Amino acid sequence: MDKQDAKARIAAFTEKHKEIWKFIKFTFTGASTSVLEMAVFALLQYVIFASLREAPVGDSAVLDFLGIEYKGYMYSYFISATIGYAAAYVMNRKLTFKADANPVLSTVLYAIMVVCTIAFNTWFGSFIGTWVTNNGWNNFWVDMLVKLIVMTVPTLWTYPLNRFVIHRKKKSDKEA
């Protein structure tokens, strides 16, 4: 198969399976921004906030209720998720969905989704990080596996919200 034939087959596939192609692009965007997010998390967790990995968050009824005990995990999850989602917004708007809906409205809707998702990720990641630490299992590889799991769960709501609510197109999808 030559280069032109391969290009024609890819073009035919993307034209015939637009929704599948959008999900594939969303997945690749998510994977690339996840690498960024995990790198930032590792830097924060093992360098910047290394001294806070087992530092208690203090007296907070809310954090106690949520099962968050350590500052290092809480800060690392919050900051890395914020950076990852900011990069994903730009890439998904420009590359994945080629959105042309009102950028201000899209940004506001995305920010609402991200605040909820980061709150979930911070809680879920800190909760599992606390559990891992309290059981003596915390090390680089376990922390990275936990981070990967925590990052993957929100795909259940982030794809549909990005595709059908946040990054809409005013024009027909023939150009996508």
C-alpha atoms as a PDB file:
ATOM      1  CA  MET A   1       0.000   0.000   0.000  1.00  0.00           C
ATOM      2  CA  ASP A   2       1.505   3.324  -1.021  1.00  0.00           C
ATOM      3  CA  LYS A   3       1.254   6.614   0.830  1.00  0.00           C
ATOM      4  CA  GLN A   4      -1.569   8.009  -1.300  1.00  0.00           C
ATOM      5  CA  ASP A   5      -3.638   4.860  -0.851  1.00  0.00           C
ATOM      6  CA  ALA A   6      -3.142   4.986   2.923  1.00  0.00           C
ATOM      7  CA  LYS A   7      -4.182   8.648   3.011  1.00  0.00           C
ATOM      8  CA  ALA A   8      -7.280   7.894   0.945  1.00  0.00           C
ATOM      9  CA  ARG A   9      -8.268   5.033   3.260  1.00  0.00           C
ATOM     10  CA  ILE A  10      -7.832   7.212   6.344  1.00  0.00           C
ATOM     11  CA  ALA A  11      -9.861  10.014   4.739  1.00  0.00           C
ATOM     12  CA  ALA A  12     -12.618   7.554   3.812  1.00  0.00           C
ATOM     13  CA  PHE A  13     -12.684   6.135   7.344  1.00  0.00           C
ATOM     14  CA  THR A  14     -12.845   9.555   9.008  1.00  0.00           C
ATOM     15  CA  GLU A  15     -15.612  10.659   6.647  1.00  0.00           C
ATOM     16  CA  LYS A  16     -17.681   7.511   7.164  1.00  0.00           C
ATOM     17  CA  HIS A  17     -17.139   7.240  10.940  1.00  0.00           C
ATOM     18  CA  LYS A  18     -17.108  10.848  12.142  1.00  0.00           C
ATOM     19  CA  GLU A  19     -18.170  10.136  15.714  1.00  0.00           C
ATOM     20  CA  ILE A  20     -15.704   7.281  16.150  1.00  0.00           C
ATOM     21  CA  TRP A  21     -12.974   9.477  14.698  1.00  0.00           C
ATOM     22  CA  LYS A  22     -13.825  12.268  17.181  1.00  0.00           C
ATOM     23  CA  PHE A  23     -13.627   9.802  20.065  1.00  0.00           C
ATOM     24  CA  ILE A  24     -10.276   8.517  18.772  1.00  0.00           C
ATOM     25  CA  LYS A  25      -8.940  12.081  18.590  1.00  0.00           C
ATOM     26  CA  PHE A  26     -10.351  12.796  22.066  1.00  0.00           C
ATOM     27  CA  THR A  27      -8.575   9.682  23.359  1.00  0.00           C
ATOM     28  CA  PHE A  28      -5.237  10.702  21.814  1.00  0.00           C
ATOM     29  CA  THR A  29      -5.625  14.234  23.165  1.00  0.00           C
ATOM     30  CA  GLY A  30      -6.449  12.787  26.565  1.00  0.00           C
ATOM     31  CA  ALA A  31      -3.441  10.472  26.434  1.00  0.00           C
ATOM     32  CA  SER A  32      -1.033  13.264  25.524  1.00  0.00           C
ATOM     33  CA  THR A  33      -2.361  15.648  28.154  1.00  0.00           C
ATOM     34  CA  SER A  34      -2.355  12.767  30.645  1.00  0.00           C
ATOM     35  CA  VAL A  35       1.387  12.326  30.082  1.00  0.00           C
ATOM     36  CA  LEU A  36       1.796  16.030  30.853  1.00  0.00           C
ATOM     37  CA  GLU A  37      -0.447  15.730  33.922  1.00  0.00           C
ATOM     38  CA  MET A  38       1.393  12.672  35.239  1.00  0.00           C
ATOM     39  CA  ALA A  39       4.787  14.332  34.738  1.00  0.00           C
ATOM     40  CA  VAL A  40       3.616  17.405  36.650  1.00  0.00           C
ATOM     41  CA  PHE A  41       2.142  15.164  39.367  1.00  0.00           C
ATOM     42  CA  ALA A  42       5.419  13.228  39.724  1.00  0.00           C
ATOM     43  CA  LEU A  43       7.439  16.456  39.891  1.00  0.00           C
ATOM     44  CA  LEU A  44       5.125  17.910  42.517  1.00  0.00           C
ATOM     45  CA  GLN A  45       4.745  14.724  44.548  1.00  0.00           C
ATOM     46  CA  TYR A  46       8.414  13.693  44.593  1.00  0.00           C
ATOM     47  CA  VAL A  47      10.259  17.012  44.355  1.00  0.00           C
ATOM     48  CA  ILE A  48       8.223  20.121  45.118  1.00  0.00           C
ATOM     49  CA  PHE A  49       5.921  18.686  47.813  1.00  0.00           C
ATOM     50  CA  ALA A  50       8.095  15.731  48.875  1.00  0.00           C
ATOM     51  CA  SER A  51       8.245  17.008  52.435  1.00  0.00           C
ATOM     52  CA  LEU A  52       4.434  17.248  52.529  1.00  0.00           C
ATOM     53  CA  ARG A  53       3.665  13.720  51.307  1.00  0.00           C
ATOM     54  CA  GLU A  54       2.887  12.599  54.836  1.00  0.00           C
ATOM     55  CA  ALA A  55       2.189  16.024  56.364  1.00  0.00           C
ATOM     56  CA  PRO A  56      -1.313  16.078  57.807  1.00  0.00           C
ATOM     57  CA  VAL A  57      -3.750  18.637  56.399  1.00  0.00           C
ATOM     58  CA  GLY A  58      -4.690  19.722  59.898  1.00  0.00           C
ATOM     59  CA  ASP A  59      -7.996  20.018  61.609  1.00  0.00           C
ATOM     60  CA  SER A  60     -10.639  20.216  58.938  1.00  0.00           C
ATOM     61  CA  ALA A  61     -13.972  18.528  59.355  1.00  0.00           C
ATOM     62  CA  VAL A  62     -14.558  18.668  55.596  1.00  0.00           C
ATOM     63  CA  LEU A  63     -11.213  17.089  54.680  1.00  0.00           C
ATOM     64  CA  ASP A  64     -11.628  14.518  57.451  1.00  0.00           C
ATOM     65  CA  PHE A  65     -15.069  13.651  56.109  1.00  0.00           C
ATOM     66  CA  LEU A  66     -13.641  13.315  52.583  1.00  0.00           C
ATOM     67  CA  GLY A  67     -10.821  11.072  53.805  1.00  0.00           C
ATOM     68  CA  ILE A  68      -8.028  13.481  52.808  1.00  0.00           C
ATOM     69  CA  GLU A  69      -5.180  13.397  55.312  1.00  0.00           C
ATOM     70  CA  TYR A  70      -2.001  14.496  53.510  1.00  0.00           C
ATOM     71  CA  LYS A  71      -1.126  17.882  52.022  1.00  0.00           C
ATOM     72  CA  GLY A  72       1.296  16.543  49.411  1.00  0.00           C
ATOM     73  CA  TYR A  73      -1.302  14.380  47.688  1.00  0.00           C
ATOM     74  CA  MET A  74      -3.956  17.066  47.852  1.00  0.00           C
ATOM     75  CA  TYR A  75      -1.715  19.793  46.353  1.00  0.00           C
ATOM     76  CA  SER A  76      -0.187  17.472  43.751  1.00  0.00           C
ATOM     77  CA  TYR A  77      -3.556  16.226  42.496  1.00  0.00           C
ATOM     78  CA  PHE A  78      -5.100  19.692  42.373  1.00  0.00           C
ATOM     79  CA  ILE A  79      -2.252  21.413  40.511  1.00  0.00           C
ATOM     80  CA  SER A  80      -1.500  18.598  38.062  1.00  0.00           C
ATOM     81  CA  ALA A  81      -5.178  18.165  37.189  1.00  0.00           C
ATOM     82  CA  THR A  82      -5.563  21.905  36.588  1.00  0.00           C
ATOM     83  CA  ILE A  83      -2.620  21.957  34.175  1.00  0.00           C
ATOM     84  CA  GLY A  84      -3.779  18.807  32.373  1.00  0.00           C
ATOM     85  CA  TYR A  85      -7.330  20.066  31.888  1.00  0.00           C
ATOM     86  CA  ALA A  86      -6.170  23.468  30.641  1.00  0.00           C
ATOM     87  CA  ALA A  87      -4.044  21.794  27.954  1.00  0.00           C
ATOM     88  CA  ALA A  88      -6.901  19.413  27.067  1.00  0.00           C
ATOM     89  CA  TYR A  89      -9.323  22.322  26.610  1.00  0.00           C
ATOM     90  CA  VAL A  90      -7.155  24.008  24.014  1.00  0.00           C
ATOM     91  CA  MET A  91      -6.347  20.804  22.148  1.00  0.00           C
ATOM     92  CA  ASN A  92      -9.933  19.520  22.116  1.00  0.00           C
ATOM     93  CA  ARG A  93     -11.414  22.841  21.047  1.00  0.00           C
ATOM     94  CA  LYS A  94      -8.914  23.363  18.216  1.00  0.00           C
ATOM     95  CA  LEU A  95      -8.022  19.831  17.068  1.00  0.00           C
ATOM     96  CA  THR A  96     -10.578  17.272  18.208  1.00  0.00           C
ATOM     97  CA  PHE A  97     -13.910  19.023  17.788  1.00  0.00           C
ATOM     98  CA  LYS A  98     -12.880  22.109  15.769  1.00  0.00           C
ATOM     99  CA  ALA A  99     -15.474  24.004  17.772  1.00  0.00           C
ATOM    100  CA  ASP A 100     -16.794  27.328  16.613  1.00  0.00           C
ATOM    101  CA  ALA A 101     -19.401  27.896  19.321  1.00  0.00           C
ATOM    102  CA  ASN A 102     -19.100  30.992  21.471  1.00  0.00           C
ATOM    103  CA  PRO A 103     -15.621  30.667  23.066  1.00  0.00           C
ATOM    104  CA  VAL A 104     -16.638  32.551  26.211  1.00  0.00           C
ATOM    105  CA  LEU A 105     -19.619  30.282  26.828  1.00  0.00           C
ATOM    106  CA  SER A 106     -17.523  27.195  26.015  1.00  0.00           C
ATOM    107  CA  THR A 107     -14.830  28.316  28.437  1.00  0.00           C
ATOM    108  CA  VAL A 108     -17.345  28.956  31.221  1.00  0.00           C
ATOM    109  CA  LEU A 109     -19.034  25.586  30.690  1.00  0.00           C
ATOM    110  CA  TYR A 110     -15.638  23.862  30.551  1.00  0.00           C
ATOM    111  CA  ALA A 111     -14.528  25.634  33.731  1.00  0.00           C
ATOM    112  CA  ILE A 112     -17.647  24.414  35.559  1.00  0.00           C
ATOM    113  CA  MET A 113     -17.036  20.845  34.381  1.00  0.00           C
ATOM    114  CA  VAL A 114     -13.352  21.056  35.304  1.00  0.00           C
ATOM    115  CA  VAL A 115     -13.997  22.480  38.774  1.00  0.00           C
ATOM    116  CA  CYS A 116     -16.318  19.553  39.478  1.00  0.00           C
ATOM    117  CA  THR A 117     -13.897  17.063  37.935  1.00  0.00           C
ATOM    118  CA  ILE A 118     -10.860  18.446  39.765  1.00  0.00           C
ATOM    119  CA  ALA A 119     -12.820  18.391  43.020  1.00  0.00           C
ATOM    120  CA  PHE A 120     -13.647  14.746  42.315  1.00  0.00           C
ATOM    121  CA  ASN A 121     -10.054  13.926  41.267  1.00  0.00           C
ATOM    122  CA  THR A 122      -8.584  15.713  44.280  1.00  0.00           C
ATOM    123  CA  TRP A 123     -10.930  13.875  46.625  1.00  0.00           C
ATOM    124  CA  PHE A 124     -10.646  10.488  44.898  1.00  0.00           C
ATOM    125  CA  GLY A 125      -6.870  10.691  44.441  1.00  0.00           C
ATOM    126  CA  SER A 126      -6.249  11.969  47.966  1.00  0.00           C
ATOM    127  CA  PHE A 127      -8.610   9.370  49.396  1.00  0.00           C
ATOM    128  CA  ILE A 128      -6.824   6.529  47.603  1.00  0.00           C
ATOM    129  CA  GLY A 129      -3.412   8.107  48.326  1.00  0.00           C
ATOM    130  CA  THR A 130      -4.292   8.226  52.012  1.00  0.00           C
ATOM    131  CA  TRP A 131      -5.394   4.593  51.910  1.00  0.00           C
ATOM    132  CA  VAL A 132      -2.195   3.561  50.084  1.00  0.00           C
ATOM    133  CA  THR A 133      -0.009   5.498  52.540  1.00  0.00           C
ATOM    134  CA  ASN A 134      -1.823   4.164  55.598  1.00  0.00           C
ATOM    135  CA  ASN A 135      -1.251   0.610  54.320  1.00  0.00           C
ATOM    136  CA  GLY A 136       2.448   1.254  53.646  1.00  0.00           C
ATOM    137  CA  TRP A 137       2.140   0.699  49.891  1.00  0.00           C
ATOM    138  CA  ASN A 138       3.106   4.147  48.672  1.00  0.00           C
ATOM    139  CA  ASN A 139       5.966   4.279  46.210  1.00  0.00           C
ATOM    140  CA  PHE A 140       6.476   5.886  42.820  1.00  0.00           C
ATOM    141  CA  TRP A 141       4.871   3.080  40.762  1.00  0.00           C
ATOM    142  CA  VAL A 142       1.834   2.668  42.993  1.00  0.00           C
ATOM    143  CA  ASP A 143       1.316   6.445  43.040  1.00  0.00           C
ATOM    144  CA  MET A 144       1.532   6.588  39.232  1.00  0.00           C
ATOM    145  CA  LEU A 145      -0.943   3.700  38.879  1.00  0.00           C
ATOM    146  CA  VAL A 146      -3.359   5.405  41.271  1.00  0.00           C
ATOM    147  CA  LYS A 147      -2.962   8.692  39.375  1.00  0.00           C
ATOM    148  CA  LEU A 148      -3.687   6.918  36.064  1.00  0.00           C
ATOM    149  CA  ILE A 149      -6.831   5.304  37.463  1.00  0.00           C
ATOM    150  CA  VAL A 150      -8.032   8.567  38.991  1.00  0.00           C
ATOM    151  CA  MET A 151      -7.434  10.410  35.700  1.00  0.00           C
ATOM    152  CA  THR A 152      -9.317   7.801  33.653  1.00  0.00           C
ATOM    153  CA  VAL A 153     -12.577   7.686  35.635  1.00  0.00           C
ATOM    154  CA  PRO A 154     -13.796  11.191  34.600  1.00  0.00           C
ATOM    155  CA  THR A 155     -13.821  10.177  30.921  1.00  0.00           C
ATOM    156  CA  LEU A 156     -17.292   8.806  31.703  1.00  0.00           C
ATOM    157  CA  TRP A 157     -18.612  12.372  31.833  1.00  0.00           C
ATOM    158  CA  THR A 158     -15.929  14.514  30.179  1.00  0.00           C
ATOM    159  CA  TYR A 159     -16.306  13.105  26.651  1.00  0.00           C
ATOM    160  CA  PRO A 160     -20.073  13.546  26.407  1.00  0.00           C
ATOM    161  CA  LEU A 161     -19.905  17.010  27.959  1.00  0.00           C
ATOM    162  CA  ASN A 162     -17.039  18.105  25.690  1.00  0.00           C
ATOM    163  CA  ARG A 163     -18.631  16.677  22.561  1.00  0.00           C
ATOM    164  CA  PHE A 164     -22.256  17.666  22.982  1.00  0.00           C
ATOM    165  CA  VAL A 165     -22.276  20.651  25.344  1.00  0.00           C
ATOM    166  CA  ILE A 166     -18.955  22.503  25.487  1.00  0.00           C
ATOM    167  CA  HIS A 167     -17.315  22.169  22.053  1.00  0.00           C
ATOM    168  CA  ARG A 168     -20.306  22.419  19.744  1.00  0.00           C
ATOM    169  CA  LYS A 169     -20.158  23.522  16.149  1.00  0.00           C
ATOM    170  CA  LYS A 170     -22.478  26.148  14.728  1.00  0.00           C
ATOM    171  CA  LYS A 171     -21.831  24.909  11.187  1.00  0.00           C
ATOM    172  CA  SER A 172     -22.570  21.465   9.851  1.00  0.00           C
ATOM    173  CA  ASP A 173     -20.250  18.642  10.893  1.00  0.00           C
ATOM    174  CA  LYS A 174     -19.211  18.075   7.253  1.00  0.00           C
ATOM    175  CA  GLU A 175     -16.011  20.046   7.927  1.00  0.00           C
ATOM    176  CA  ALA A 176     -15.028  18.126  11.083  1.00  0.00           C
END
